[in-house]
C-alpha atoms as a PDB file:
ATOM      1  CA  MET A   1     120.616 180.463 124.100  1.00  0.00           C
ATOM      2  CA  ASP A   2     119.935 176.876 125.137  1.00  0.00           C
ATOM      3  CA  PRO A   3     117.193 174.947 123.242  1.00  0.00           C
ATOM      4  CA  ILE A   4     114.952 174.770 126.312  1.00  0.00           C
ATOM      5  CA  THR A   5     114.916 178.519 126.886  1.00  0.00           C
ATOM      6  CA  HIS A   6     114.449 179.110 123.156  1.00  0.00           C
ATOM      7  CA  GLN A   7     111.376 176.900 123.147  1.00  0.00           C
ATOM      8  CA  MET A   8     109.894 178.674 126.169  1.00  0.00           C
ATOM      9  CA  ASN A   9     110.490 182.073 124.596  1.00  0.00           C
ATOM     10  CA  SER A  10     108.908 180.999 121.311  1.00  0.00           C
ATOM     11  CA  SER A  11     105.402 181.839 122.558  1.00  0.00           C
ATOM     12  CA  PRO A  12     105.638 185.432 123.855  1.00  0.00           C
ATOM     13  CA  ASN A  13     101.870 186.010 123.639  1.00  0.00           C
ATOM     14  CA  MET A  14     101.117 183.527 126.393  1.00  0.00           C
ATOM     15  CA  GLU A  15     100.054 185.086 129.663  1.00  0.00           C
ATOM     16  CA  ILE A  16      99.300 183.199 132.852  1.00  0.00           C
ATOM     17  CA  ASN A  17      97.309 184.960 135.541  1.00  0.00           C
ATOM     18  CA  THR A  18      96.607 182.034 137.862  1.00  0.00           C
ATOM     19  CA  PHE A  19      97.935 178.558 138.356  1.00  0.00           C
ATOM     20  CA  THR A  20      95.747 175.507 138.696  1.00  0.00           C
ATOM     21  CA  ILE A  21      96.960 172.058 139.535  1.00  0.00           C
ATOM     22  CA  THR A  22      94.500 169.440 138.384  1.00  0.00           C
ATOM     23  CA  THR A  23      94.578 166.118 140.148  1.00  0.00           C
ATOM     24  CA  PRO A  24      92.459 163.041 139.463  1.00  0.00           C
ATOM     25  CA  ALA A  25      90.675 163.572 142.796  1.00  0.00           C
ATOM     26  CA  SER A  26      89.447 167.021 141.798  1.00  0.00           C
ATOM     27  CA  GLY A  27      87.824 165.781 138.611  1.00  0.00           C
ATOM     28  CA  GLY A  28      89.777 167.976 136.264  1.00  0.00           C
ATOM     29  CA  GLY A  29      86.703 168.780 134.198  1.00  0.00           C
ATOM     30  CA  GLY A  30      87.954 172.269 133.330  1.00  0.00           C
ATOM     31  CA  SER A  31      88.231 173.582 129.825  1.00  0.00           C
ATOM     32  CA  SER A  32      91.340 172.679 127.898  1.00  0.00           C
ATOM     33  CA  SER A  33      92.490 174.908 125.078  1.00  0.00           C
ATOM     34  CA  MET A  34      95.109 173.728 122.649  1.00  0.00           C
ATOM     35  CA  MET A  35      98.070 176.064 122.281  1.00  0.00           C
ATOM     36  CA  GLY A  36     100.503 175.949 119.394  1.00  0.00           C
ATOM     37  CA  SER A  37     102.859 173.008 119.645  1.00  0.00           C
ATOM     38  CA  PRO A  38     106.529 173.704 120.366  1.00  0.00           C
ATOM     39  CA  SER A  39     107.592 172.185 117.047  1.00  0.00           C
ATOM     40  CA  GLY A  40     105.564 174.795 115.177  1.00  0.00           C
ATOM     41  CA  SER A  41     103.282 172.321 113.399  1.00  0.00           C
ATOM     42  CA  SER A  42     100.325 173.824 111.620  1.00  0.00           C
ATOM     43  CA  ALA A  43      96.716 173.542 112.718  1.00  0.00           C
ATOM     44  CA  SER A  44      96.002 171.275 109.733  1.00  0.00           C
ATOM     45  CA  SER A  45      97.552 168.300 111.556  1.00  0.00           C
ATOM     46  CA  PRO A  46      95.527 168.044 114.786  1.00  0.00           C
ATOM     47  CA  THR A  47      97.156 165.956 117.484  1.00  0.00           C
ATOM     48  CA  THR A  48      95.099 164.783 120.401  1.00  0.00           C
ATOM     49  CA  LEU A  49      97.236 164.748 123.511  1.00  0.00           C
ATOM     50  CA  SER A  50      96.335 162.842 126.630  1.00  0.00           C
ATOM     51  CA  ARG A  51      95.117 164.685 129.681  1.00  0.00           C
ATOM     52  CA  TYR A  52      98.509 164.025 131.295  1.00  0.00           C
ATOM     53  CA  GLU A  53     100.402 165.457 128.285  1.00  0.00           C
ATOM     54  CA  ASN A  54      98.169 168.546 128.233  1.00  0.00           C
ATOM     55  CA  GLN A  55      98.679 169.109 131.944  1.00  0.00           C
ATOM     56  CA  LYS A  56     102.438 168.561 131.608  1.00  0.00           C
ATOM     57  CA  ARG A  57     102.607 171.159 128.830  1.00  0.00           C
ATOM     58  CA  ARG A  58     100.567 173.667 130.879  1.00  0.00           C
ATOM     59  CA  ASP A  59     102.800 173.088 133.909  1.00  0.00           C
ATOM     60  CA  TRP A  60     105.927 173.513 131.771  1.00  0.00           C
ATOM     61  CA  ASN A  61     104.628 176.751 130.272  1.00  0.00           C
ATOM     62  CA  THR A  62     103.684 178.026 133.740  1.00  0.00           C
ATOM     63  CA  PHE A  63     107.144 177.300 135.090  1.00  0.00           C
ATOM     64  CA  GLY A  64     108.673 179.046 132.059  1.00  0.00           C
ATOM     65  CA  GLN A  65     106.471 182.075 132.734  1.00  0.00           C
ATOM     66  CA  TYR A  66     107.550 182.021 136.381  1.00  0.00           C
ATOM     67  CA  LEU A  67     111.211 182.067 135.335  1.00  0.00           C
ATOM     68  CA  ARG A  68     110.604 184.984 132.952  1.00  0.00           C
ATOM     69  CA  ASN A  69     108.756 186.949 135.663  1.00  0.00           C
ATOM     70  CA  HIS A  70     111.463 186.189 138.228  1.00  0.00           C
ATOM     71  CA  ARG A  71     113.563 189.195 139.253  1.00  0.00           C
ATOM     72  CA  PRO A  72     116.109 189.071 137.759  1.00  0.00           C
ATOM     73  CA  PRO A  73     114.750 186.829 134.944  1.00  0.00           C
ATOM     74  CA  LEU A  74     116.237 183.335 134.978  1.00  0.00           C
ATOM     75  CA  SER A  75     117.164 181.080 132.103  1.00  0.00           C
ATOM     76  CA  LEU A  76     116.328 177.431 132.566  1.00  0.00           C
ATOM     77  CA  SER A  77     120.003 176.494 132.296  1.00  0.00           C
ATOM     78  CA  ARG A  78     120.700 178.568 135.453  1.00  0.00           C
ATOM     79  CA  CYS A  79     117.709 177.216 137.356  1.00  0.00           C
ATOM     80  CA  SER A  80     118.529 175.151 140.447  1.00  0.00           C
ATOM     81  CA  GLY A  81     116.640 173.135 143.025  1.00  0.00           C
ATOM     82  CA  ALA A  82     116.442 176.303 145.147  1.00  0.00           C
ATOM     83  CA  HIS A  83     114.488 178.037 142.371  1.00  0.00           C
ATOM     84  CA  VAL A  84     112.145 175.057 142.124  1.00  0.00           C
ATOM     85  CA  LEU A  85     111.523 175.312 145.895  1.00  0.00           C
ATOM     86  CA  GLU A  86     110.816 179.023 145.505  1.00  0.00           C
ATOM     87  CA  PHE A  87     108.284 178.146 142.771  1.00  0.00           C
ATOM     88  CA  LEU A  88     106.571 175.538 144.986  1.00  0.00           C
ATOM     89  CA  ARG A  89     106.297 178.017 147.870  1.00  0.00           C
ATOM     90  CA  TYR A  90     104.899 180.603 145.459  1.00  0.00           C
ATOM     91  CA  LEU A  91     102.202 178.103 144.433  1.00  0.00           C
ATOM     92  CA  ASP A  92     101.007 177.740 148.042  1.00  0.00           C
ATOM     93  CA  GLN A  93      99.066 180.992 147.701  1.00  0.00           C
ATOM     94  CA  PHE A  94      96.780 179.214 145.201  1.00  0.00           C
ATOM     95  CA  GLY A  95      96.265 176.149 147.431  1.00  0.00           C
ATOM     96  CA  LYS A  96      92.897 174.819 148.549  1.00  0.00           C
ATOM     97  CA  THR A  97      94.005 172.403 151.269  1.00  0.00           C
ATOM     98  CA  LYS A  98      93.572 173.529 154.876  1.00  0.00           C
ATOM     99  CA  VAL A  99      96.725 172.748 156.849  1.00  0.00           C
ATOM    100  CA  HIS A 100      96.243 173.242 160.583  1.00  0.00           C
ATOM    101  CA  THR A 101      98.956 174.855 162.677  1.00  0.00           C
ATOM    102  CA  GLN A 102     100.069 173.171 165.913  1.00  0.00           C
ATOM    103  CA  LEU A 103      98.215 175.830 167.931  1.00  0.00           C
ATOM    104  CA  CYS A 104      94.911 175.111 166.165  1.00  0.00           C
ATOM    105  CA  PRO A 105      92.421 173.052 168.202  1.00  0.00           C
ATOM    106  CA  PHE A 106      91.764 170.967 165.062  1.00  0.00           C
ATOM    107  CA  PHE A 107      95.420 169.996 164.553  1.00  0.00           C
ATOM    108  CA  GLY A 108      95.444 166.315 163.620  1.00  0.00           C
ATOM    109  CA  HIS A 109      91.727 166.137 162.790  1.00  0.00           C
ATOM    110  CA  PRO A 110      90.956 165.100 159.191  1.00  0.00           C
ATOM    111  CA  ASN A 111      87.406 166.555 159.321  1.00  0.00           C
ATOM    112  CA  PRO A 112      87.272 169.559 161.676  1.00  0.00           C
ATOM    113  CA  PRO A 113      83.779 170.370 162.979  1.00  0.00           C
ATOM    114  CA  ALA A 114      84.129 174.141 162.573  1.00  0.00           C
ATOM    115  CA  PRO A 115      86.053 176.688 160.472  1.00  0.00           C
ATOM    116  CA  CYS A 116      89.454 177.914 161.589  1.00  0.00           C
ATOM    117  CA  PRO A 117      91.935 180.591 160.393  1.00  0.00           C
ATOM    118  CA  CYS A 118      94.661 178.107 159.379  1.00  0.00           C
ATOM    119  CA  PRO A 119      96.284 178.693 155.988  1.00  0.00           C
ATOM    120  CA  LEU A 120      95.359 177.058 152.698  1.00  0.00           C
ATOM    121  CA  ARG A 121      98.245 175.317 150.977  1.00  0.00           C
ATOM    122  CA  GLN A 122      98.889 173.135 147.970  1.00  0.00           C
ATOM    123  CA  ALA A 123      98.254 169.510 148.854  1.00  0.00           C
ATOM    124  CA  TRP A 124     101.299 167.269 148.983  1.00  0.00           C
ATOM    125  CA  GLY A 125      99.891 164.922 146.336  1.00  0.00           C
ATOM    126  CA  SER A 126      99.394 167.817 143.928  1.00  0.00           C
ATOM    127  CA  LEU A 127     102.948 169.063 144.435  1.00  0.00           C
ATOM    128  CA  ASP A 128     104.355 165.566 144.055  1.00  0.00           C
ATOM    129  CA  ALA A 129     102.478 165.027 140.777  1.00  0.00           C
ATOM    130  CA  LEU A 130     103.504 168.491 139.531  1.00  0.00           C
ATOM    131  CA  ILE A 131     107.194 167.796 140.178  1.00  0.00           C
ATOM    132  CA  GLY A 132     106.878 164.466 138.384  1.00  0.00           C
ATOM    133  CA  ARG A 133     105.391 166.160 135.298  1.00  0.00           C
ATOM    134  CA  LEU A 134     107.956 168.972 135.325  1.00  0.00           C
ATOM    135  CA  ARG A 135     110.801 166.513 135.762  1.00  0.00           C
ATOM    136  CA  ALA A 136     109.627 164.590 132.685  1.00  0.00           C
ATOM    137  CA  ALA A 137     109.019 167.796 130.687  1.00  0.00           C
ATOM    138  CA  TYR A 138     112.516 169.069 131.458  1.00  0.00           C
ATOM    139  CA  GLU A 139     114.116 165.999 129.942  1.00  0.00           C
ATOM    140  CA  GLU A 140     111.688 165.903 126.993  1.00  0.00           C
ATOM    141  CA  ASN A 141     112.697 169.464 126.185  1.00  0.00           C
ATOM    142  CA  GLY A 142     116.392 168.699 125.953  1.00  0.00           C
ATOM    143  CA  GLY A 143     117.518 168.924 129.566  1.00  0.00           C
ATOM    144  CA  LYS A 144     120.111 166.487 130.841  1.00  0.00           C
ATOM    145  CA  PRO A 145     118.804 164.121 133.532  1.00  0.00           C
ATOM    146  CA  GLU A 146     121.824 164.749 135.772  1.00  0.00           C
ATOM    147  CA  ALA A 147     121.167 168.508 135.663  1.00  0.00           C
ATOM    148  CA  ASN A 148     117.387 168.262 136.233  1.00  0.00           C
ATOM    149  CA  PRO A 149     116.524 170.806 138.976  1.00  0.00           C
ATOM    150  CA  PHE A 150     113.185 169.048 139.606  1.00  0.00           C
ATOM    151  CA  GLY A 151     115.042 165.929 140.713  1.00  0.00           C
ATOM    152  CA  ALA A 152     117.349 167.770 143.111  1.00  0.00           C
ATOM    153  CA  ARG A 153     117.807 166.340 146.591  1.00  0.00           C
ATOM    154  CA  ALA A 154     116.479 169.561 148.148  1.00  0.00           C
ATOM    155  CA  VAL A 155     113.211 169.185 146.194  1.00  0.00           C
ATOM    156  CA  ARG A 156     112.786 165.562 147.296  1.00  0.00           C
ATOM    157  CA  LEU A 157     113.442 166.535 150.927  1.00  0.00           C
ATOM    158  CA  TYR A 158     110.985 169.445 150.701  1.00  0.00           C
ATOM    159  CA  LEU A 159     108.253 167.157 149.331  1.00  0.00           C
ATOM    160  CA  ARG A 160     108.893 164.657 152.115  1.00  0.00           C
ATOM    161  CA  GLU A 161     108.699 167.457 154.705  1.00  0.00           C
ATOM    162  CA  VAL A 162     105.418 168.750 153.222  1.00  0.00           C
ATOM    163  CA  ARG A 163     103.982 165.220 153.193  1.00  0.00           C
ATOM    164  CA  ASP A 164     104.922 164.598 156.819  1.00  0.00           C
ATOM    165  CA  SER A 165     103.732 167.972 158.102  1.00  0.00           C
ATOM    166  CA  GLN A 166     100.413 167.742 156.244  1.00  0.00           C
ATOM    167  CA  SER A 167      99.950 164.188 157.454  1.00  0.00           C
ATOM    168  CA  LYS A 168     100.315 165.319 161.079  1.00  0.00           C
ATOM    169  CA  ALA A 169      98.306 168.517 160.661  1.00  0.00           C
ATOM    170  CA  ARG A 170      95.395 166.856 158.895  1.00  0.00           C
ATOM    171  CA  GLY A 171      95.460 163.521 160.697  1.00  0.00           C
ATOM    172  CA  ILE A 172      95.826 161.642 157.409  1.00  0.00           C
ATOM    173  CA  SER A 173      98.531 159.082 156.850  1.00  0.00           C
ATOM    174  CA  TYR A 174     100.220 159.009 153.468  1.00  0.00           C
ATOM    175  CA  GLU A 175     101.181 155.351 153.284  1.00  0.00           C
ATOM    176  CA  LYS A 176     102.619 153.952 150.107  1.00  0.00           C
ATOM    177  CA  LYS A 177      99.959 151.971 148.317  1.00  0.00           C
ATOM    178  CA  LYS A 178     100.762 148.307 148.505  1.00  0.00           C
ATOM    179  CA  ARG A 179     100.468 146.303 145.334  1.00  0.00           C
ATOM    180  CA  LYS A 180      97.713 143.756 145.324  1.00  0.00           C
ATOM    181  CA  LYS A 181      99.144 140.297 145.115  1.00  0.00           C
ATOM    182  CA  PRO A 182      97.502 138.059 142.538  1.00  0.00           C
ATOM    183  CA  PRO A 183      95.287 135.413 144.137  1.00  0.00           C
ATOM    184  CA  PRO A 184      97.150 132.156 144.746  1.00  0.00           C
ATOM    185  CA  GLN A 185      96.731 129.658 141.938  1.00  0.00           C
ATOM    186  CA  PRO A 186      95.322 126.315 143.012  1.00  0.00           C
ATOM    187  CA  ALA A 187      97.959 123.624 142.911  1.00  0.00           C
ATOM    188  CA  ALA A 188      97.610 121.397 139.882  1.00  0.00           C
ATOM    189  CA  PRO A 189      97.138 117.737 140.712  1.00  0.00           C
ATOM    190  CA  PRO A 190     100.277 115.687 140.131  1.00  0.00           C
ATOM    191  CA  PRO A 191     100.265 113.779 136.829  1.00  0.00           C
ATOM    192  CA  SER A 192      99.483 110.086 137.292  1.00  0.00           C
END
């Protein structure tokens, strides 16, 4: 058994009924319970993890649960980019972002004036952040970077497709944020 799968199977009492992706925009003020650390350290040495580290651990545990519930069950070493895509599509059922279809009269409107029957999906930014956390967690848990299924070309293309389709459907452009240039320094007078 590979070390990654062994670590995921070391907490059999964990059960996940729903999946929540917390992004900075949503506030993330939900409760956060500490689960036993993978190294098996005792409760006498409390470690305060950052919000990012807590979320990364929850995402990793959720993905591990997804693999165990997969039919047939999958080990992480056999997981591919296709399985990651299947996981992302599975998460859409828990989405809260309205994505208008091309037939919807509100297609391309960021703030529609009335309700419509278009589906709720995971927002592109949430999926992008999730993949980033899972990609880091995979390598932190002993996975080889060249075999990381979260960095597969198919996953990157899927995220780009989701970004573009949501941008068109919601009328919101996802431009890369440009770095602010430092203000120009005044020229020093020449020494006399």
